[in-house]
Amino acid sequence: MFVTKSILLFVAAAVFEIGGAWLVWQGIREHRGWLWVGGGVIALGIYGVVAALQPDANFGRVLATYGGVFVAGSILWGMAVDGFRPDRWDVIGALICLLGAAVIMYVPRGA
């Protein structure tokens, strides 16, 4: 249950952080306006709340793990929303990041 809850929270955090950053990007870089920026700021705040709900109490471990999720999620977001087509090195790099994230968060540790 710990792993399932944790993974779901990482996915939710990625949606809010990447989506929030994308909204800010759209508002500023694509001149969509301050309403988009404001929506992005709210989403980024929700990301912080979702990240704090992780069952592991170690901030550094949670954020380090999330870094790997963020890398892979950003590539997926770019593919789904902006038409980004990753090359094999993008995919390999994202998989390495996810492997590292899994090691950091889910490898059993002694008591």
PDB file of N, CA and C in Angstrom:
ATOM      1  N   MET A   1       0.820  -1.203   0.000  1.00  0.00           N
ATOM      2  CA  MET A   1       0.000   0.000   0.000  1.00  0.00           C
ATOM      3  C   MET A   1       0.860   1.262   0.000  1.00  0.00           C
ATOM      4  N   PHE A   2       1.980   1.228   0.768  1.00  0.00           N
ATOM      5  CA  PHE A   2       2.886   2.371   0.832  1.00  0.00           C
ATOM      6  C   PHE A   2       3.358   2.770  -0.561  1.00  0.00           C
ATOM      7  N   VAL A   3       3.809   1.795  -1.344  1.00  0.00           N
ATOM      8  CA  VAL A   3       4.361   2.088  -2.665  1.00  0.00           C
ATOM      9  C   VAL A   3       3.279   2.624  -3.588  1.00  0.00           C
ATOM     10  N   THR A   4       2.113   2.017  -3.596  1.00  0.00           N
ATOM     11  CA  THR A   4       1.018   2.475  -4.459  1.00  0.00           C
ATOM     12  C   THR A   4       0.620   3.909  -4.118  1.00  0.00           C
ATOM     13  N   LYS A   5       0.412   4.193  -2.838  1.00  0.00           N
ATOM     14  CA  LYS A   5       0.042   5.550  -2.424  1.00  0.00           C
ATOM     15  C   LYS A   5       1.128   6.539  -2.825  1.00  0.00           C
ATOM     16  N   SER A   6       2.368   6.168  -2.598  1.00  0.00           N
ATOM     17  CA  SER A   6       3.486   7.040  -2.911  1.00  0.00           C
ATOM     18  C   SER A   6       3.556   7.348  -4.405  1.00  0.00           C
ATOM     19  N   ILE A   7       3.423   6.322  -5.234  1.00  0.00           N
ATOM     20  CA  ILE A   7       3.479   6.523  -6.690  1.00  0.00           C
ATOM     21  C   ILE A   7       2.338   7.423  -7.145  1.00  0.00           C
ATOM     22  N   LEU A   8       1.133   7.179  -6.645  1.00  0.00           N
ATOM     23  CA  LEU A   8      -0.008   8.021  -7.019  1.00  0.00           C
ATOM     24  C   LEU A   8       0.220   9.478  -6.613  1.00  0.00           C
ATOM     25  N   LEU A   9       0.795   9.695  -5.441  1.00  0.00           N
ATOM     26  CA  LEU A   9       1.099  11.062  -5.009  1.00  0.00           C
ATOM     27  C   LEU A   9       2.180  11.696  -5.882  1.00  0.00           C
ATOM     28  N   PHE A  10       3.184  10.926  -6.292  1.00  0.00           N
ATOM     29  CA  PHE A  10       4.205  11.465  -7.194  1.00  0.00           C
ATOM     30  C   PHE A  10       3.599  11.859  -8.540  1.00  0.00           C
ATOM     31  N   VAL A  11       2.694  11.050  -9.054  1.00  0.00           N
ATOM     32  CA  VAL A  11       2.043  11.371 -10.328  1.00  0.00           C
ATOM     33  C   VAL A  11       1.198  12.636 -10.182  1.00  0.00           C
ATOM     34  N   ALA A  12       0.437  12.725  -9.097  1.00  0.00           N
ATOM     35  CA  ALA A  12      -0.380  13.929  -8.866  1.00  0.00           C
ATOM     36  C   ALA A  12       0.506  15.161  -8.713  1.00  0.00           C
ATOM     37  N   ALA A  13       1.601  15.020  -7.970  1.00  0.00           N
ATOM     38  CA  ALA A  13       2.520  16.146  -7.798  1.00  0.00           C
ATOM     39  C   ALA A  13       3.081  16.589  -9.146  1.00  0.00           C
ATOM     40  N   ALA A  14       3.416  15.635  -9.993  1.00  0.00           N
ATOM     41  CA  ALA A  14       3.958  15.970 -11.312  1.00  0.00           C
ATOM     42  C   ALA A  14       2.940  16.724 -12.152  1.00  0.00           C
ATOM     43  N   VAL A  15       1.702  16.285 -12.114  1.00  0.00           N
ATOM     44  CA  VAL A  15       0.664  16.985 -12.890  1.00  0.00           C
ATOM     45  C   VAL A  15       0.544  18.434 -12.427  1.00  0.00           C
ATOM     46  N   PHE A  16       0.527  18.641 -11.111  1.00  0.00           N
ATOM     47  CA  PHE A  16       0.389  20.007 -10.611  1.00  0.00           C
ATOM     48  C   PHE A  16       1.634  20.846 -10.866  1.00  0.00           C
ATOM     49  N   GLU A  17       2.827  20.293 -10.644  1.00  0.00           N
ATOM     50  CA  GLU A  17       4.030  21.108 -10.845  1.00  0.00           C
ATOM     51  C   GLU A  17       4.297  21.370 -12.321  1.00  0.00           C
ATOM     52  N   ILE A  18       4.274  20.327 -13.119  1.00  0.00           N
ATOM     53  CA  ILE A  18       4.552  20.508 -14.545  1.00  0.00           C
ATOM     54  C   ILE A  18       3.441  21.325 -15.194  1.00  0.00           C
ATOM     55  N   GLY A  19       2.192  21.020 -14.824  1.00  0.00           N
ATOM     56  CA  GLY A  19       1.073  21.798 -15.355  1.00  0.00           C
ATOM     57  C   GLY A  19       1.138  23.247 -14.928  1.00  0.00           C
ATOM     58  N   GLY A  20       1.499  23.495 -13.675  1.00  0.00           N
ATOM     59  CA  GLY A  20       1.618  24.864 -13.192  1.00  0.00           C
ATOM     60  C   GLY A  20       2.720  25.622 -13.912  1.00  0.00           C
ATOM     61  N   ALA A  21       3.861  24.988 -14.063  1.00  0.00           N
ATOM     62  CA  ALA A  21       4.970  25.635 -14.782  1.00  0.00           C
ATOM     63  C   ALA A  21       4.589  25.887 -16.239  1.00  0.00           C
ATOM     64  N   TRP A  22       3.861  24.948 -16.837  1.00  0.00           N
ATOM     65  CA  TRP A  22       3.416  25.121 -18.224  1.00  0.00           C
ATOM     66  C   TRP A  22       2.459  26.302 -18.339  1.00  0.00           C
ATOM     67  N   LEU A  23       1.550  26.442 -17.372  1.00  0.00           N
ATOM     68  CA  LEU A  23       0.628  27.573 -17.397  1.00  0.00           C
ATOM     69  C   LEU A  23       1.372  28.903 -17.279  1.00  0.00           C
ATOM     70  N   VAL A  24       2.356  28.963 -16.397  1.00  0.00           N
ATOM     71  CA  VAL A  24       3.166  30.176 -16.274  1.00  0.00           C
ATOM     72  C   VAL A  24       3.894  30.446 -17.588  1.00  0.00           C
ATOM     73  N   TRP A  25       4.471  29.424 -18.160  1.00  0.00           N
ATOM     74  CA  TRP A  25       5.175  29.538 -19.452  1.00  0.00           C
ATOM     75  C   TRP A  25       4.223  30.078 -20.521  1.00  0.00           C
ATOM     76  N   GLN A  26       3.031  29.499 -20.584  1.00  0.00           N
ATOM     77  CA  GLN A  26       2.054  29.949 -21.581  1.00  0.00           C
ATOM     78  C   GLN A  26       1.658  31.406 -21.352  1.00  0.00           C
ATOM     79  N   GLY A  27       1.434  31.757 -20.094  1.00  0.00           N
ATOM     80  CA  GLY A  27       1.035  33.124 -19.779  1.00  0.00           C
ATOM     81  C   GLY A  27       2.087  34.139 -20.165  1.00  0.00           C
ATOM     82  N   ILE A  28       3.355  33.818 -19.918  1.00  0.00           N
ATOM     83  CA  ILE A  28       4.434  34.773 -20.177  1.00  0.00           C
ATOM     84  C   ILE A  28       5.008  34.611 -21.582  1.00  0.00           C
ATOM     85  N   ARG A  29       5.461  33.423 -21.922  1.00  0.00           N
ATOM     86  CA  ARG A  29       6.171  33.224 -23.187  1.00  0.00           C
ATOM     87  C   ARG A  29       5.246  33.210 -24.401  1.00  0.00           C
ATOM     88  N   GLU A  30       4.024  32.755 -24.196  1.00  0.00           N
ATOM     89  CA  GLU A  30       3.072  32.689 -25.310  1.00  0.00           C
ATOM     90  C   GLU A  30       2.037  33.809 -25.235  1.00  0.00           C
ATOM     91  N   HIS A  31       2.248  34.742 -24.316  1.00  0.00           N
ATOM     92  CA  HIS A  31       1.425  35.953 -24.191  1.00  0.00           C
ATOM     93  C   HIS A  31      -0.062  35.652 -23.999  1.00  0.00           C
ATOM     94  N   ARG A  32      -0.348  34.640 -23.192  1.00  0.00           N
ATOM     95  CA  ARG A  32      -1.748  34.296 -22.931  1.00  0.00           C
ATOM     96  C   ARG A  32      -2.322  35.098 -21.781  1.00  0.00           C
ATOM     97  N   GLY A  33      -1.480  35.763 -21.023  1.00  0.00           N
ATOM     98  CA  GLY A  33      -1.975  36.670 -20.001  1.00  0.00           C
ATOM     99  C   GLY A  33      -1.746  36.219 -18.576  1.00  0.00           C
ATOM    100  N   TRP A  34      -2.037  37.153 -17.679  1.00  0.00           N
ATOM    101  CA  TRP A  34      -1.779  36.945 -16.260  1.00  0.00           C
ATOM    102  C   TRP A  34      -2.737  35.949 -15.612  1.00  0.00           C
ATOM    103  N   LEU A  35      -3.899  35.720 -16.207  1.00  0.00           N
ATOM    104  CA  LEU A  35      -4.806  34.709 -15.671  1.00  0.00           C
ATOM    105  C   LEU A  35      -4.153  33.324 -15.757  1.00  0.00           C
ATOM    106  N   TRP A  36      -3.477  33.057 -16.853  1.00  0.00           N
ATOM    107  CA  TRP A  36      -2.754  31.790 -17.008  1.00  0.00           C
ATOM    108  C   TRP A  36      -1.630  31.695 -15.981  1.00  0.00           C
ATOM    109  N   VAL A  37      -0.911  32.801 -15.795  1.00  0.00           N
ATOM    110  CA  VAL A  37       0.171  32.818 -14.811  1.00  0.00           C
ATOM    111  C   VAL A  37      -0.394  32.549 -13.413  1.00  0.00           C
ATOM    112  N   GLY A  38      -1.498  33.214 -13.075  1.00  0.00           N
ATOM    113  CA  GLY A  38      -2.122  33.012 -11.767  1.00  0.00           C
ATOM    114  C   GLY A  38      -2.565  31.577 -11.557  1.00  0.00           C
ATOM    115  N   GLY A  39      -3.145  30.970 -12.590  1.00  0.00           N
ATOM    116  CA  GLY A  39      -3.526  29.560 -12.500  1.00  0.00           C
ATOM    117  C   GLY A  39      -2.315  28.676 -12.276  1.00  0.00           C
ATOM    118  N   GLY A  40      -1.213  29.019 -12.926  1.00  0.00           N
ATOM    119  CA  GLY A  40       0.018  28.265 -12.744  1.00  0.00           C
ATOM    120  C   GLY A  40       0.561  28.390 -11.330  1.00  0.00           C
ATOM    121  N   VAL A  41       0.503  29.577 -10.779  1.00  0.00           N
ATOM    122  CA  VAL A  41       0.983  29.787  -9.411  1.00  0.00           C
ATOM    123  C   VAL A  41       0.142  28.976  -8.425  1.00  0.00           C
ATOM    124  N   ILE A  42      -1.161  28.942  -8.628  1.00  0.00           N
ATOM    125  CA  ILE A  42      -2.031  28.139  -7.759  1.00  0.00           C
ATOM    126  C   ILE A  42      -1.689  26.656  -7.886  1.00  0.00           C
ATOM    127  N   ALA A  43      -1.516  26.185  -9.124  1.00  0.00           N
ATOM    128  CA  ALA A  43      -1.170  24.772  -9.336  1.00  0.00           C
ATOM    129  C   ALA A  43       0.169  24.435  -8.679  1.00  0.00           C
ATOM    130  N   LEU A  44       1.134  25.349  -8.762  1.00  0.00           N
ATOM    131  CA  LEU A  44       2.429  25.106  -8.133  1.00  0.00           C
ATOM    132  C   LEU A  44       2.304  25.030  -6.616  1.00  0.00           C
ATOM    133  N   GLY A  45       1.426  25.837  -6.041  1.00  0.00           N
ATOM    134  CA  GLY A  45       1.169  25.746  -4.609  1.00  0.00           C
ATOM    135  C   GLY A  45       0.545  24.417  -4.227  1.00  0.00           C
ATOM    136  N   ILE A  46      -0.383  23.944  -5.046  1.00  0.00           N
ATOM    137  CA  ILE A  46      -1.005  22.637  -4.785  1.00  0.00           C
ATOM    138  C   ILE A  46       0.030  21.527  -4.888  1.00  0.00           C
ATOM    139  N   TYR A  47       0.960  21.663  -5.822  1.00  0.00           N
ATOM    140  CA  TYR A  47       2.056  20.689  -5.924  1.00  0.00           C
ATOM    141  C   TYR A  47       2.774  20.552  -4.585  1.00  0.00           C
ATOM    142  N   GLY A  48       3.081  21.672  -3.950  1.00  0.00           N
ATOM    143  CA  GLY A  48       3.771  21.631  -2.672  1.00  0.00           C
ATOM    144  C   GLY A  48       2.983  20.890  -1.606  1.00  0.00           C
ATOM    145  N   VAL A  49       1.678  21.084  -1.619  1.00  0.00           N
ATOM    146  CA  VAL A  49       0.817  20.390  -0.660  1.00  0.00           C
ATOM    147  C   VAL A  49       0.824  18.890  -0.947  1.00  0.00           C
ATOM    148  N   VAL A  50       0.659  18.522  -2.205  1.00  0.00           N
ATOM    149  CA  VAL A  50       0.618  17.103  -2.578  1.00  0.00           C
ATOM    150  C   VAL A  50       1.948  16.425  -2.227  1.00  0.00           C
ATOM    151  N   ALA A  51       3.061  17.097  -2.502  1.00  0.00           N
ATOM    152  CA  ALA A  51       4.372  16.514  -2.185  1.00  0.00           C
ATOM    153  C   ALA A  51       4.500  16.256  -0.684  1.00  0.00           C
ATOM    154  N   ALA A  52       3.928  17.133   0.129  1.00  0.00           N
ATOM    155  CA  ALA A  52       4.011  16.985   1.587  1.00  0.00           C
ATOM    156  C   ALA A  52       3.169  15.818   2.110  1.00  0.00           C
ATOM    157  N   LEU A  53       2.307  15.260   1.290  1.00  0.00           N
ATOM    158  CA  LEU A  53       1.455  14.142   1.705  1.00  0.00           C
ATOM    159  C   LEU A  53       2.136  12.783   1.552  1.00  0.00           C
ATOM    160  N   GLN A  54       3.354  12.757   1.037  1.00  0.00           N
ATOM    161  CA  GLN A  54       4.068  11.486   0.871  1.00  0.00           C
ATOM    162  C   GLN A  54       4.172  10.759   2.207  1.00  0.00           C
ATOM    163  N   PRO A  55       4.012   9.433   2.213  1.00  0.00           N
ATOM    164  CA  PRO A  55       4.087   8.692   3.468  1.00  0.00           C
ATOM    165  C   PRO A  55       5.486   8.663   4.082  1.00  0.00           C
ATOM    166  N   ASP A  56       6.526   8.853   3.297  1.00  0.00           N
ATOM    167  CA  ASP A  56       7.892   8.907   3.828  1.00  0.00           C
ATOM    168  C   ASP A  56       8.117  10.287   4.440  1.00  0.00           C
ATOM    169  N   ALA A  57       8.685  10.329   5.633  1.00  0.00           N
ATOM    170  CA  ALA A  57       8.846  11.593   6.361  1.00  0.00           C
ATOM    171  C   ALA A  57      10.139  12.335   6.023  1.00  0.00           C
ATOM    172  N   ASN A  58      10.954  11.811   5.137  1.00  0.00           N
ATOM    173  CA  ASN A  58      12.244  12.423   4.815  1.00  0.00           C
ATOM    174  C   ASN A  58      12.122  13.345   3.612  1.00  0.00           C
ATOM    175  N   PHE A  59      12.141  14.663   3.893  1.00  0.00           N
ATOM    176  CA  PHE A  59      11.978  15.670   2.837  1.00  0.00           C
ATOM    177  C   PHE A  59      12.986  15.477   1.715  1.00  0.00           C
ATOM    178  N   GLY A  60      14.253  15.300   2.059  1.00  0.00           N
ATOM    179  CA  GLY A  60      15.285  15.155   1.037  1.00  0.00           C
ATOM    180  C   GLY A  60      15.055  13.957   0.141  1.00  0.00           C
ATOM    181  N   ARG A  61      14.665  12.840   0.736  1.00  0.00           N
ATOM    182  CA  ARG A  61      14.411  11.622  -0.044  1.00  0.00           C
ATOM    183  C   ARG A  61      13.206  11.819  -0.964  1.00  0.00           C
ATOM    184  N   VAL A  62      12.148  12.404  -0.443  1.00  0.00           N
ATOM    185  CA  VAL A  62      10.942  12.612  -1.247  1.00  0.00           C
ATOM    186  C   VAL A  62      11.236  13.547  -2.428  1.00  0.00           C
ATOM    187  N   LEU A  63      11.905  14.656  -2.172  1.00  0.00           N
ATOM    188  CA  LEU A  63      12.170  15.609  -3.249  1.00  0.00           C
ATOM    189  C   LEU A  63      13.190  15.070  -4.240  1.00  0.00           C
ATOM    190  N   ALA A  64      14.182  14.306  -3.764  1.00  0.00           N
ATOM    191  CA  ALA A  64      15.137  13.695  -4.679  1.00  0.00           C
ATOM    192  C   ALA A  64      14.439  12.702  -5.599  1.00  0.00           C
ATOM    193  N   THR A  65      13.559  11.901  -5.017  1.00  0.00           N
ATOM    194  CA  THR A  65      12.796  10.948  -5.818  1.00  0.00           C
ATOM    195  C   THR A  65      11.911  11.679  -6.808  1.00  0.00           C
ATOM    196  N   TYR A  66      11.256  12.734  -6.337  1.00  0.00           N
ATOM    197  CA  TYR A  66      10.381  13.486  -7.227  1.00  0.00           C
ATOM    198  C   TYR A  66      11.152  14.060  -8.416  1.00  0.00           C
ATOM    199  N   GLY A  67      12.428  14.374  -8.212  1.00  0.00           N
ATOM    200  CA  GLY A  67      13.232  14.880  -9.323  1.00  0.00           C
ATOM    201  C   GLY A  67      13.223  13.933 -10.511  1.00  0.00           C
ATOM    202  N   GLY A  68      13.350  12.639 -10.250  1.00  0.00           N
ATOM    203  CA  GLY A  68      13.297  11.659 -11.337  1.00  0.00           C
ATOM    204  C   GLY A  68      11.934  11.587 -11.987  1.00  0.00           C
ATOM    205  N   VAL A  69      10.898  11.670 -11.161  1.00  0.00           N
ATOM    206  CA  VAL A  69       9.522  11.673 -11.683  1.00  0.00           C
ATOM    207  C   VAL A  69       9.296  12.923 -12.537  1.00  0.00           C
ATOM    208  N   PHE A  70       9.824  14.057 -12.078  1.00  0.00           N
ATOM    209  CA  PHE A  70       9.676  15.313 -12.808  1.00  0.00           C
ATOM    210  C   PHE A  70      10.309  15.222 -14.196  1.00  0.00           C
ATOM    211  N   VAL A  71      11.502  14.642 -14.289  1.00  0.00           N
ATOM    212  CA  VAL A  71      12.179  14.520 -15.580  1.00  0.00           C
ATOM    213  C   VAL A  71      11.325  13.715 -16.560  1.00  0.00           C
ATOM    214  N   ALA A  72      10.894  12.534 -16.142  1.00  0.00           N
ATOM    215  CA  ALA A  72      10.087  11.691 -17.028  1.00  0.00           C
ATOM    216  C   ALA A  72       8.732  12.337 -17.318  1.00  0.00           C
ATOM    217  N   GLY A  73       8.116  12.914 -16.292  1.00  0.00           N
ATOM    218  CA  GLY A  73       6.816  13.562 -16.477  1.00  0.00           C
ATOM    219  C   GLY A  73       6.880  14.741 -17.418  1.00  0.00           C
ATOM    220  N   SER A  74       7.967  15.493 -17.363  1.00  0.00           N
ATOM    221  CA  SER A  74       8.116  16.649 -18.252  1.00  0.00           C
ATOM    222  C   SER A  74       8.187  16.218 -19.707  1.00  0.00           C
ATOM    223  N   ILE A  75       8.888  15.129 -19.964  1.00  0.00           N
ATOM    224  CA  ILE A  75       8.956  14.612 -21.333  1.00  0.00           C
ATOM    225  C   ILE A  75       7.584  14.135 -21.791  1.00  0.00           C
ATOM    226  N   LEU A  76       6.878  13.423 -20.912  1.00  0.00           N
ATOM    227  CA  LEU A  76       5.529  12.966 -21.271  1.00  0.00           C
ATOM    228  C   LEU A  76       4.584  14.150 -21.496  1.00  0.00           C
ATOM    229  N   TRP A  77       4.672  15.166 -20.641  1.00  0.00           N
ATOM    230  CA  TRP A  77       3.823  16.364 -20.802  1.00  0.00           C
ATOM    231  C   TRP A  77       4.114  17.020 -22.153  1.00  0.00           C
ATOM    232  N   GLY A  78       5.387  17.181 -22.458  1.00  0.00           N
ATOM    233  CA  GLY A  78       5.753  17.791 -23.734  1.00  0.00           C
ATOM    234  C   GLY A  78       5.210  17.007 -24.920  1.00  0.00           C
ATOM    235  N   MET A  79       5.226  15.688 -24.822  1.00  0.00           N
ATOM    236  CA  MET A  79       4.688  14.854 -25.895  1.00  0.00           C
ATOM    237  C   MET A  79       3.175  15.040 -26.019  1.00  0.00           C
ATOM    238  N   ALA A  80       2.482  15.035 -24.887  1.00  0.00           N
ATOM    239  CA  ALA A  80       1.020  15.082 -24.894  1.00  0.00           C
ATOM    240  C   ALA A  80       0.479  16.460 -25.232  1.00  0.00           C
ATOM    241  N   VAL A  81       1.164  17.507 -24.777  1.00  0.00           N
ATOM    242  CA  VAL A  81       0.588  18.848 -24.868  1.00  0.00           C
ATOM    243  C   VAL A  81       1.244  19.711 -25.942  1.00  0.00           C
ATOM    244  N   ASP A  82       2.540  19.553 -26.139  1.00  0.00           N
ATOM    245  CA  ASP A  82       3.261  20.441 -27.057  1.00  0.00           C
ATOM    246  C   ASP A  82       3.784  19.756 -28.314  1.00  0.00           C
ATOM    247  N   GLY A  83       3.489  18.475 -28.484  1.00  0.00           N
ATOM    248  CA  GLY A  83       3.939  17.778 -29.683  1.00  0.00           C
ATOM    249  C   GLY A  83       5.430  17.453 -29.682  1.00  0.00           C
ATOM    250  N   PHE A  84       6.070  17.477 -28.523  1.00  0.00           N
ATOM    251  CA  PHE A  84       7.489  17.143 -28.414  1.00  0.00           C
ATOM    252  C   PHE A  84       7.691  15.682 -28.757  1.00  0.00           C
ATOM    253  N   ARG A  85       8.711  15.396 -29.542  1.00  0.00           N
ATOM    254  CA  ARG A  85       9.056  14.015 -29.900  1.00  0.00           C
ATOM    255  C   ARG A  85      10.445  13.711 -29.356  1.00  0.00           C
ATOM    256  N   PRO A  86      10.511  12.969 -28.255  1.00  0.00           N
ATOM    257  CA  PRO A  86      11.811  12.688 -27.666  1.00  0.00           C
ATOM    258  C   PRO A  86      12.625  11.738 -28.539  1.00  0.00           C
ATOM    259  N   ASP A  87      13.939  11.919 -28.512  1.00  0.00           N
ATOM    260  CA  ASP A  87      14.788  10.949 -29.196  1.00  0.00           C
ATOM    261  C   ASP A  87      15.170   9.848 -28.197  1.00  0.00           C
ATOM    262  N   ARG A  88      15.918   8.894 -28.657  1.00  0.00           N
ATOM    263  CA  ARG A  88      16.237   7.747 -27.793  1.00  0.00           C
ATOM    264  C   ARG A  88      17.006   8.170 -26.558  1.00  0.00           C
ATOM    265  N   TRP A  89      17.807   9.228 -26.653  1.00  0.00           N
ATOM    266  CA  TRP A  89      18.590   9.688 -25.503  1.00  0.00           C
ATOM    267  C   TRP A  89      17.695  10.346 -24.459  1.00  0.00           C
ATOM    268  N   ASP A  90      16.662  11.031 -24.911  1.00  0.00           N
ATOM    269  CA  ASP A  90      15.676  11.576 -23.969  1.00  0.00           C
ATOM    270  C   ASP A  90      15.013  10.441 -23.197  1.00  0.00           C
ATOM    271  N   VAL A  91      14.612   9.413 -23.913  1.00  0.00           N
ATOM    272  CA  VAL A  91      13.923   8.272 -23.297  1.00  0.00           C
ATOM    273  C   VAL A  91      14.864   7.533 -22.351  1.00  0.00           C
ATOM    274  N   ILE A  92      16.087   7.269 -22.799  1.00  0.00           N
ATOM    275  CA  ILE A  92      17.065   6.581 -21.940  1.00  0.00           C
ATOM    276  C   ILE A  92      17.338   7.407 -20.687  1.00  0.00           C
ATOM    277  N   GLY A  93      17.537   8.701 -20.845  1.00  0.00           N
ATOM    278  CA  GLY A  93      17.786   9.557 -19.695  1.00  0.00           C
ATOM    279  C   GLY A  93      16.634   9.553 -18.706  1.00  0.00           C
ATOM    280  N   ALA A  94      15.405   9.615 -19.223  1.00  0.00           N
ATOM    281  CA  ALA A  94      14.228   9.586 -18.349  1.00  0.00           C
ATOM    282  C   ALA A  94      14.122   8.260 -17.607  1.00  0.00           C
ATOM    283  N   LEU A  95      14.415   7.160 -18.301  1.00  0.00           N
ATOM    284  CA  LEU A  95      14.369   5.848 -17.645  1.00  0.00           C
ATOM    285  C   LEU A  95      15.440   5.726 -16.562  1.00  0.00           C
ATOM    286  N   ILE A  96      16.622   6.273 -16.819  1.00  0.00           N
ATOM    287  CA  ILE A  96      17.671   6.279 -15.798  1.00  0.00           C
ATOM    288  C   ILE A  96      17.209   7.070 -14.580  1.00  0.00           C
ATOM    289  N   CYS A  97      16.576   8.218 -14.826  1.00  0.00           N
ATOM    290  CA  CYS A  97      16.065   9.033 -13.716  1.00  0.00           C
ATOM    291  C   CYS A  97      15.016   8.271 -12.909  1.00  0.00           C
ATOM    292  N   LEU A  98      14.110   7.579 -13.589  1.00  0.00           N
ATOM    293  CA  LEU A  98      13.088   6.804 -12.870  1.00  0.00           C
ATOM    294  C   LEU A  98      13.701   5.645 -12.092  1.00  0.00           C
ATOM    295  N   LEU A  99      14.710   5.018 -12.663  1.00  0.00           N
ATOM    296  CA  LEU A  99      15.393   3.938 -11.943  1.00  0.00           C
ATOM    297  C   LEU A  99      16.058   4.495 -10.680  1.00  0.00           C
ATOM    298  N   GLY A 100      16.734   5.618 -10.820  1.00  0.00           N
ATOM    299  CA  GLY A 100      17.347   6.247  -9.658  1.00  0.00           C
ATOM    300  C   GLY A 100      16.324   6.635  -8.612  1.00  0.00           C
ATOM    301  N   ALA A 101      15.191   7.167  -9.054  1.00  0.00           N
ATOM    302  CA  ALA A 101      14.123   7.543  -8.130  1.00  0.00           C
ATOM    303  C   ALA A 101      13.605   6.316  -7.381  1.00  0.00           C
ATOM    304  N   ALA A 102      13.435   5.210  -8.088  1.00  0.00           N
ATOM    305  CA  ALA A 102      12.948   3.987  -7.442  1.00  0.00           C
ATOM    306  C   ALA A 102      13.949   3.475  -6.410  1.00  0.00           C
ATOM    307  N   VAL A 103      15.232   3.556  -6.734  1.00  0.00           N
ATOM    308  CA  VAL A 103      16.259   3.121  -5.782  1.00  0.00           C
ATOM    309  C   VAL A 103      16.205   4.009  -4.535  1.00  0.00           C
ATOM    310  N   ILE A 104      16.150   5.306  -4.728  1.00  0.00           N
ATOM    311  CA  ILE A 104      16.140   6.233  -3.591  1.00  0.00           C
ATOM    312  C   ILE A 104      14.933   5.990  -2.693  1.00  0.00           C
ATOM    313  N   MET A 105      13.775   5.793  -3.282  1.00  0.00           N
ATOM    314  CA  MET A 105      12.533   5.771  -2.496  1.00  0.00           C
ATOM    315  C   MET A 105      12.123   4.391  -2.010  1.00  0.00           C
ATOM    316  N   TYR A 106      12.357   3.352  -2.816  1.00  0.00           N
ATOM    317  CA  TYR A 106      11.703   2.087  -2.538  1.00  0.00           C
ATOM    318  C   TYR A 106      12.604   0.905  -2.202  1.00  0.00           C
ATOM    319  N   VAL A 107      13.918   1.070  -2.277  1.00  0.00           N
ATOM    320  CA  VAL A 107      14.794  -0.036  -1.895  1.00  0.00           C
ATOM    321  C   VAL A 107      14.685  -0.233  -0.383  1.00  0.00           C
ATOM    322  N   PRO A 108      14.497  -1.497   0.038  1.00  0.00           N
ATOM    323  CA  PRO A 108      14.375  -1.744   1.485  1.00  0.00           C
ATOM    324  C   PRO A 108      15.638  -1.303   2.240  1.00  0.00           C
ATOM    325  N   ARG A 109      15.444  -0.719   3.390  1.00  0.00           N
ATOM    326  CA  ARG A 109      16.533  -0.265   4.237  1.00  0.00           C
ATOM    327  C   ARG A 109      16.449  -0.981   5.580  1.00  0.00           C
ATOM    328  N   GLY A 110      17.586  -1.169   6.183  1.00  0.00           N
ATOM    329  CA  GLY A 110      17.618  -1.764   7.518  1.00  0.00           C
ATOM    330  C   GLY A 110      17.049  -0.789   8.541  1.00  0.00           C
ATOM    331  N   ALA A 111      16.573  -1.331   9.645  1.00  0.00           N
ATOM    332  CA  ALA A 111      15.949  -0.505  10.686  1.00  0.00           C
ATOM    333  C   ALA A 111      16.900   0.388  11.374  1.00  0.00           C
TER     334      ALA A 111
END
